[in-house]
Amino acid sequence: MGRPSVVVGVDGSRTSAVALRTAVEEAKLRQVPLHIVVAWQLTSPEIAVETPQVVAHTVRHNQQILEHALNTIDKYDSSRVFVSGELINGEPAASLLTAAEGSVLLVVGSSGTSDRPEPYLGAVAHAVLRRAPCPVLLVPPPAR
Protein backbone atom coordinates (compact mmCIF):
# COMPACT_ATOMS: atom_id res chain seq x y z
CA MET A 1 0.00 0.00 0.00
CA GLY A 2 2.86 2.37 0.77
CA ARG A 3 1.18 5.07 2.86
CA PRO A 4 0.60 5.29 6.60
CA SER A 5 -2.60 3.43 7.35
CA VAL A 6 -4.09 0.65 9.42
CA VAL A 7 -4.53 -2.53 7.39
CA VAL A 8 -6.94 -5.22 8.50
CA GLY A 9 -7.37 -8.71 7.13
CA VAL A 10 -10.98 -9.86 6.88
CA ASP A 11 -12.17 -13.36 5.95
CA GLY A 12 -15.81 -13.44 7.03
CA SER A 13 -15.13 -15.18 10.34
CA ARG A 14 -16.39 -13.97 13.71
CA THR A 15 -12.80 -13.25 14.71
CA SER A 16 -12.23 -11.05 11.66
CA ALA A 17 -15.37 -9.09 12.57
CA VAL A 18 -13.75 -8.27 15.90
CA ALA A 19 -10.49 -7.44 14.11
CA LEU A 20 -12.40 -5.06 11.82
CA ARG A 21 -14.01 -3.25 14.75
CA THR A 22 -10.62 -3.02 16.46
CA ALA A 23 -8.97 -1.71 13.29
CA VAL A 24 -11.57 1.05 12.96
CA GLU A 25 -10.79 2.19 16.51
CA GLU A 26 -7.04 2.06 15.87
CA ALA A 27 -7.39 4.08 12.65
CA LYS A 28 -9.46 6.70 14.51
CA LEU A 29 -6.92 6.91 17.33
CA ARG A 30 -4.00 7.25 14.91
CA GLN A 31 -5.95 9.51 12.52
CA VAL A 32 -4.94 7.45 9.49
CA PRO A 33 -6.89 5.69 6.75
CA LEU A 34 -8.17 2.14 7.16
CA HIS A 35 -7.54 -0.39 4.41
CA ILE A 36 -9.55 -3.63 4.46
CA VAL A 37 -8.03 -6.63 2.70
CA VAL A 38 -9.84 -9.82 1.73
CA ALA A 39 -7.31 -12.27 0.32
CA TRP A 40 -8.09 -15.71 -1.02
CA GLN A 41 -6.35 -18.39 -3.00
CA LEU A 42 -7.60 -21.46 -4.80
CA THR A 43 -6.17 -24.66 -3.38
CA SER A 44 -5.05 -25.85 -6.80
CA PRO A 45 -4.38 -23.99 -10.07
CA GLU A 46 -6.17 -26.78 -11.93
CA ILE A 47 -9.46 -25.75 -10.32
CA ALA A 48 -9.45 -22.50 -12.31
CA VAL A 49 -9.19 -24.40 -15.58
CA GLU A 50 -11.42 -27.35 -14.78
CA THR A 51 -14.21 -25.61 -12.90
CA PRO A 52 -14.66 -21.94 -13.78
CA GLN A 53 -17.98 -22.00 -11.88
CA VAL A 54 -16.07 -22.70 -8.66
CA VAL A 55 -13.78 -19.77 -9.34
CA ALA A 56 -16.72 -17.47 -10.07
CA HIS A 57 -18.45 -18.60 -6.88
CA THR A 58 -15.26 -18.07 -4.84
CA VAL A 59 -14.78 -14.57 -6.24
CA ARG A 60 -18.43 -13.65 -5.56
CA HIS A 61 -18.20 -15.04 -2.03
CA ASN A 62 -15.10 -12.96 -1.26
CA GLN A 63 -16.60 -9.86 -2.87
CA GLN A 64 -19.57 -10.30 -0.52
CA ILE A 65 -17.21 -10.55 2.46
CA LEU A 66 -15.54 -7.29 1.43
CA GLU A 67 -18.86 -5.54 0.77
CA HIS A 68 -20.21 -6.69 4.14
CA ALA A 69 -17.06 -5.39 5.88
CA LEU A 70 -17.34 -2.02 4.12
CA ASN A 71 -21.04 -1.77 4.99
CA THR A 72 -20.41 -2.80 8.61
CA ILE A 73 -17.93 0.02 9.15
CA ASP A 74 -20.73 2.59 9.44
CA LYS A 75 -21.99 1.12 12.70
CA TYR A 76 -18.55 1.65 14.28
CA ASP A 77 -18.72 5.44 13.86
CA SER A 78 -16.05 5.52 11.20
CA SER A 79 -17.03 9.00 10.02
CA ARG A 80 -13.57 10.30 10.88
CA VAL A 81 -11.75 7.54 8.96
CA PHE A 82 -11.12 7.22 5.23
CA VAL A 83 -11.85 3.58 4.38
CA SER A 84 -10.75 1.58 1.36
CA GLY A 85 -11.04 -2.09 0.50
CA GLU A 86 -9.21 -4.54 -1.66
CA LEU A 87 -9.94 -8.05 -2.87
CA ILE A 88 -6.73 -9.96 -3.59
CA ASN A 89 -6.42 -13.29 -5.34
CA GLY A 90 -3.27 -14.53 -3.65
CA GLU A 91 -1.93 -16.38 -0.67
CA PRO A 92 -3.53 -14.57 2.31
CA ALA A 93 -0.47 -14.06 4.51
CA ALA A 94 1.71 -12.84 1.64
CA SER A 95 -1.10 -10.58 0.41
CA LEU A 96 -1.54 -9.02 3.85
CA LEU A 97 2.20 -8.52 4.24
CA THR A 98 2.38 -6.74 0.89
CA ALA A 99 -0.65 -4.59 1.71
CA ALA A 100 0.90 -3.66 5.07
CA GLU A 101 4.14 -2.27 3.64
CA GLY A 102 4.43 1.32 4.83
CA SER A 103 1.48 0.95 7.21
CA VAL A 104 1.46 1.90 10.86
CA LEU A 105 -0.38 -1.24 11.97
CA LEU A 106 -1.62 -4.57 10.64
CA VAL A 107 -4.65 -6.05 12.42
CA VAL A 108 -5.51 -9.72 12.01
CA GLY A 109 -7.65 -12.25 13.82
CA SER A 110 -5.79 -14.97 15.66
CA SER A 111 -7.79 -17.94 14.44
CA GLY A 112 -9.20 -17.15 11.00
CA THR A 113 -12.14 -19.11 9.68
CA SER A 114 -11.69 -21.98 12.14
CA ASP A 115 -13.16 -19.93 15.03
CA ARG A 116 -11.81 -22.52 17.46
CA PRO A 117 -12.93 -21.92 21.05
CA GLU A 118 -9.52 -22.69 22.61
CA PRO A 119 -6.46 -20.50 22.23
CA TYR A 120 -5.18 -21.11 18.75
CA LEU A 121 -2.91 -19.30 16.34
CA GLY A 122 -3.97 -19.76 12.73
CA ALA A 123 -1.55 -20.20 9.84
CA VAL A 124 -2.09 -16.68 8.45
CA ALA A 125 -1.66 -15.03 11.86
CA HIS A 126 1.48 -17.08 12.48
CA ALA A 127 3.02 -16.14 9.12
CA VAL A 128 2.13 -12.47 9.53
CA LEU A 129 3.64 -12.29 13.00
CA ARG A 130 6.90 -13.73 11.75
CA ARG A 131 7.40 -11.41 8.76
CA ALA A 132 5.33 -8.24 9.26
CA PRO A 133 6.81 -4.97 7.97
CA CYS A 134 4.99 -3.05 10.73
CA PRO A 135 3.54 -3.67 14.20
CA VAL A 136 0.82 -6.34 14.31
CA LEU A 137 -2.24 -6.36 16.52
CA LEU A 138 -3.46 -9.94 16.90
CA VAL A 139 -7.15 -10.05 17.86
CA PRO A 140 -8.49 -13.11 19.71
CA PRO A 141 -11.84 -14.67 18.86
CA PRO A 142 -14.89 -13.18 20.54
CA ALA A 143 -16.07 -14.77 23.77
CA ARG A 144 -18.79 -17.29 23.18
C-alpha atoms as a PDB file:
ATOM      1  CA  MET A   1       0.000   0.000   0.000  1.00  0.00           C
ATOM      2  CA  GLY A   2       2.856   2.366   0.767  1.00  0.00           C
ATOM      3  CA  ARG A   3       1.179   5.074   2.862  1.00  0.00           C
ATOM      4  CA  PRO A   4       0.598   5.294   6.600  1.00  0.00           C
ATOM      5  CA  SER A   5      -2.599   3.426   7.354  1.00  0.00           C
ATOM      6  CA  VAL A   6      -4.092   0.653   9.423  1.00  0.00           C
ATOM      7  CA  VAL A   7      -4.525  -2.525   7.390  1.00  0.00           C
ATOM      8  CA  VAL A   8      -6.945  -5.219   8.497  1.00  0.00           C
ATOM      9  CA  GLY A   9      -7.373  -8.714   7.129  1.00  0.00           C
ATOM     10  CA  VAL A  10     -10.985  -9.860   6.878  1.00  0.00           C
ATOM     11  CA  ASP A  11     -12.175 -13.359   5.952  1.00  0.00           C
ATOM     12  CA  GLY A  12     -15.814 -13.442   7.034  1.00  0.00           C
ATOM     13  CA  SER A  13     -15.129 -15.179  10.343  1.00  0.00           C
ATOM     14  CA  ARG A  14     -16.385 -13.966  13.712  1.00  0.00           C
ATOM     15  CA  THR A  15     -12.797 -13.247  14.707  1.00  0.00           C
ATOM     16  CA  SER A  16     -12.227 -11.054  11.660  1.00  0.00           C
ATOM     17  CA  ALA A  17     -15.371  -9.090  12.566  1.00  0.00           C
ATOM     18  CA  VAL A  18     -13.748  -8.270  15.904  1.00  0.00           C
ATOM     19  CA  ALA A  19     -10.493  -7.437  14.109  1.00  0.00           C
ATOM     20  CA  LEU A  20     -12.399  -5.055  11.824  1.00  0.00           C
ATOM     21  CA  ARG A  21     -14.013  -3.255  14.748  1.00  0.00           C
ATOM     22  CA  THR A  22     -10.625  -3.023  16.463  1.00  0.00           C
ATOM     23  CA  ALA A  23      -8.971  -1.713  13.288  1.00  0.00           C
ATOM     24  CA  VAL A  24     -11.572   1.055  12.960  1.00  0.00           C
ATOM     25  CA  GLU A  25     -10.792   2.191  16.507  1.00  0.00           C
ATOM     26  CA  GLU A  26      -7.041   2.058  15.872  1.00  0.00           C
ATOM     27  CA  ALA A  27      -7.386   4.080  12.654  1.00  0.00           C
ATOM     28  CA  LYS A  28      -9.460   6.704  14.505  1.00  0.00           C
ATOM     29  CA  LEU A  29      -6.917   6.913  17.329  1.00  0.00           C
ATOM     30  CA  ARG A  30      -4.004   7.247  14.914  1.00  0.00           C
ATOM     31  CA  GLN A  31      -5.949   9.513  12.524  1.00  0.00           C
ATOM     32  CA  VAL A  32      -4.935   7.451   9.491  1.00  0.00           C
ATOM     33  CA  PRO A  33      -6.894   5.692   6.746  1.00  0.00           C
ATOM     34  CA  LEU A  34      -8.166   2.145   7.159  1.00  0.00           C
ATOM     35  CA  HIS A  35      -7.536  -0.394   4.412  1.00  0.00           C
ATOM     36  CA  ILE A  36      -9.554  -3.629   4.458  1.00  0.00           C
ATOM     37  CA  VAL A  37      -8.028  -6.629   2.700  1.00  0.00           C
ATOM     38  CA  VAL A  38      -9.840  -9.817   1.730  1.00  0.00           C
ATOM     39  CA  ALA A  39      -7.309 -12.275   0.315  1.00  0.00           C
ATOM     40  CA  TRP A  40      -8.094 -15.705  -1.025  1.00  0.00           C
ATOM     41  CA  GLN A  41      -6.348 -18.394  -2.998  1.00  0.00           C
ATOM     42  CA  LEU A  42      -7.601 -21.464  -4.799  1.00  0.00           C
ATOM     43  CA  THR A  43      -6.173 -24.659  -3.376  1.00  0.00           C
ATOM     44  CA  SER A  44      -5.050 -25.851  -6.799  1.00  0.00           C
ATOM     45  CA  PRO A  45      -4.381 -23.989 -10.070  1.00  0.00           C
ATOM     46  CA  GLU A  46      -6.173 -26.779 -11.934  1.00  0.00           C
ATOM     47  CA  ILE A  47      -9.459 -25.753 -10.318  1.00  0.00           C
ATOM     48  CA  ALA A  48      -9.449 -22.501 -12.308  1.00  0.00           C
ATOM     49  CA  VAL A  49      -9.185 -24.395 -15.583  1.00  0.00           C
ATOM     50  CA  GLU A  50     -11.421 -27.350 -14.781  1.00  0.00           C
ATOM     51  CA  THR A  51     -14.207 -25.608 -12.898  1.00  0.00           C
ATOM     52  CA  PRO A  52     -14.665 -21.941 -13.776  1.00  0.00           C
ATOM     53  CA  GLN A  53     -17.980 -22.002 -11.879  1.00  0.00           C
ATOM     54  CA  VAL A  54     -16.072 -22.703  -8.657  1.00  0.00           C
ATOM     55  CA  VAL A  55     -13.783 -19.769  -9.344  1.00  0.00           C
ATOM     56  CA  ALA A  56     -16.718 -17.473 -10.074  1.00  0.00           C
ATOM     57  CA  HIS A  57     -18.452 -18.603  -6.876  1.00  0.00           C
ATOM     58  CA  THR A  58     -15.261 -18.065  -4.841  1.00  0.00           C
ATOM     59  CA  VAL A  59     -14.777 -14.571  -6.244  1.00  0.00           C
ATOM     60  CA  ARG A  60     -18.433 -13.654  -5.565  1.00  0.00           C
ATOM     61  CA  HIS A  61     -18.197 -15.038  -2.033  1.00  0.00           C
ATOM     62  CA  ASN A  62     -15.096 -12.964  -1.261  1.00  0.00           C
ATOM     63  CA  GLN A  63     -16.597  -9.858  -2.866  1.00  0.00           C
ATOM     64  CA  GLN A  64     -19.569 -10.300  -0.519  1.00  0.00           C
ATOM     65  CA  ILE A  65     -17.211 -10.547   2.460  1.00  0.00           C
ATOM     66  CA  LEU A  66     -15.538  -7.287   1.432  1.00  0.00           C
ATOM     67  CA  GLU A  67     -18.861  -5.539   0.774  1.00  0.00           C
ATOM     68  CA  HIS A  68     -20.208  -6.694   4.144  1.00  0.00           C
ATOM     69  CA  ALA A  69     -17.063  -5.394   5.878  1.00  0.00           C
ATOM     70  CA  LEU A  70     -17.337  -2.024   4.122  1.00  0.00           C
ATOM     71  CA  ASN A  71     -21.045  -1.773   4.991  1.00  0.00           C
ATOM     72  CA  THR A  72     -20.409  -2.802   8.606  1.00  0.00           C
ATOM     73  CA  ILE A  73     -17.929   0.021   9.146  1.00  0.00           C
ATOM     74  CA  ASP A  74     -20.727   2.593   9.444  1.00  0.00           C
ATOM     75  CA  LYS A  75     -21.994   1.117  12.698  1.00  0.00           C
ATOM     76  CA  TYR A  76     -18.555   1.650  14.280  1.00  0.00           C
ATOM     77  CA  ASP A  77     -18.724   5.443  13.859  1.00  0.00           C
ATOM     78  CA  SER A  78     -16.051   5.518  11.205  1.00  0.00           C
ATOM     79  CA  SER A  79     -17.034   9.002  10.025  1.00  0.00           C
ATOM     80  CA  ARG A  80     -13.566  10.300  10.877  1.00  0.00           C
ATOM     81  CA  VAL A  81     -11.752   7.545   8.957  1.00  0.00           C
ATOM     82  CA  PHE A  82     -11.118   7.218   5.233  1.00  0.00           C
ATOM     83  CA  VAL A  83     -11.853   3.578   4.384  1.00  0.00           C
ATOM     84  CA  SER A  84     -10.754   1.580   1.355  1.00  0.00           C
ATOM     85  CA  GLY A  85     -11.038  -2.085   0.504  1.00  0.00           C
ATOM     86  CA  GLU A  86      -9.207  -4.541  -1.662  1.00  0.00           C
ATOM     87  CA  LEU A  87      -9.936  -8.049  -2.868  1.00  0.00           C
ATOM     88  CA  ILE A  88      -6.726  -9.957  -3.588  1.00  0.00           C
ATOM     89  CA  ASN A  89      -6.419 -13.289  -5.342  1.00  0.00           C
ATOM     90  CA  GLY A  90      -3.273 -14.532  -3.653  1.00  0.00           C
ATOM     91  CA  GLU A  91      -1.928 -16.377  -0.668  1.00  0.00           C
ATOM     92  CA  PRO A  92      -3.535 -14.572   2.308  1.00  0.00           C
ATOM     93  CA  ALA A  93      -0.466 -14.061   4.511  1.00  0.00           C
ATOM     94  CA  ALA A  94       1.715 -12.844   1.637  1.00  0.00           C
ATOM     95  CA  SER A  95      -1.101 -10.576   0.411  1.00  0.00           C
ATOM     96  CA  LEU A  96      -1.535  -9.023   3.854  1.00  0.00           C
ATOM     97  CA  LEU A  97       2.203  -8.516   4.244  1.00  0.00           C
ATOM     98  CA  THR A  98       2.384  -6.736   0.891  1.00  0.00           C
ATOM     99  CA  ALA A  99      -0.651  -4.589   1.711  1.00  0.00           C
ATOM    100  CA  ALA A 100       0.898  -3.659   5.073  1.00  0.00           C
ATOM    101  CA  GLU A 101       4.141  -2.272   3.637  1.00  0.00           C
ATOM    102  CA  GLY A 102       4.432   1.316   4.830  1.00  0.00           C
ATOM    103  CA  SER A 103       1.475   0.947   7.209  1.00  0.00           C
ATOM    104  CA  VAL A 104       1.464   1.899  10.860  1.00  0.00           C
ATOM    105  CA  LEU A 105      -0.384  -1.242  11.972  1.00  0.00           C
ATOM    106  CA  LEU A 106      -1.622  -4.569  10.643  1.00  0.00           C
ATOM    107  CA  VAL A 107      -4.654  -6.045  12.416  1.00  0.00           C
ATOM    108  CA  VAL A 108      -5.510  -9.724  12.010  1.00  0.00           C
ATOM    109  CA  GLY A 109      -7.647 -12.254  13.816  1.00  0.00           C
ATOM    110  CA  SER A 110      -5.786 -14.971  15.660  1.00  0.00           C
ATOM    111  CA  SER A 111      -7.787 -17.943  14.437  1.00  0.00           C
ATOM    112  CA  GLY A 112      -9.200 -17.152  11.003  1.00  0.00           C
ATOM    113  CA  THR A 113     -12.136 -19.108   9.680  1.00  0.00           C
ATOM    114  CA  SER A 114     -11.693 -21.982  12.137  1.00  0.00           C
ATOM    115  CA  ASP A 115     -13.158 -19.929  15.032  1.00  0.00           C
ATOM    116  CA  ARG A 116     -11.811 -22.517  17.461  1.00  0.00           C
ATOM    117  CA  PRO A 117     -12.932 -21.920  21.054  1.00  0.00           C
ATOM    118  CA  GLU A 118      -9.524 -22.691  22.608  1.00  0.00           C
ATOM    119  CA  PRO A 119      -6.456 -20.503  22.234  1.00  0.00           C
ATOM    120  CA  TYR A 120      -5.176 -21.109  18.746  1.00  0.00           C
ATOM    121  CA  LEU A 121      -2.909 -19.303  16.336  1.00  0.00           C
ATOM    122  CA  GLY A 122      -3.973 -19.764  12.726  1.00  0.00           C
ATOM    123  CA  ALA A 123      -1.550 -20.196   9.840  1.00  0.00           C
ATOM    124  CA  VAL A 124      -2.095 -16.682   8.448  1.00  0.00           C
ATOM    125  CA  ALA A 125      -1.662 -15.033  11.858  1.00  0.00           C
ATOM    126  CA  HIS A 126       1.482 -17.077  12.484  1.00  0.00           C
ATOM    127  CA  ALA A 127       3.017 -16.138   9.122  1.00  0.00           C
ATOM    128  CA  VAL A 128       2.125 -12.470   9.527  1.00  0.00           C
ATOM    129  CA  LEU A 129       3.644 -12.286  13.004  1.00  0.00           C
ATOM    130  CA  ARG A 130       6.902 -13.732  11.745  1.00  0.00           C
ATOM    131  CA  ARG A 131       7.395 -11.407   8.765  1.00  0.00           C
ATOM    132  CA  ALA A 132       5.332  -8.244   9.259  1.00  0.00           C
ATOM    133  CA  PRO A 133       6.810  -4.974   7.966  1.00  0.00           C
ATOM    134  CA  CYS A 134       4.986  -3.054  10.727  1.00  0.00           C
ATOM    135  CA  PRO A 135       3.540  -3.668  14.195  1.00  0.00           C
ATOM    136  CA  VAL A 136       0.824  -6.344  14.310  1.00  0.00           C
ATOM    137  CA  LEU A 137      -2.243  -6.359  16.516  1.00  0.00           C
ATOM    138  CA  LEU A 138      -3.461  -9.936  16.903  1.00  0.00           C
ATOM    139  CA  VAL A 139      -7.148 -10.050  17.857  1.00  0.00           C
ATOM    140  CA  PRO A 140      -8.487 -13.109  19.714  1.00  0.00           C
ATOM    141  CA  PRO A 141     -11.838 -14.669  18.857  1.00  0.00           C
ATOM    142  CA  PRO A 142     -14.889 -13.178  20.542  1.00  0.00           C
ATOM    143  CA  ALA A 143     -16.065 -14.768  23.766  1.00  0.00           C
ATOM    144  CA  ARG A 144     -18.793 -17.290  23.177  1.00  0.00           C
END
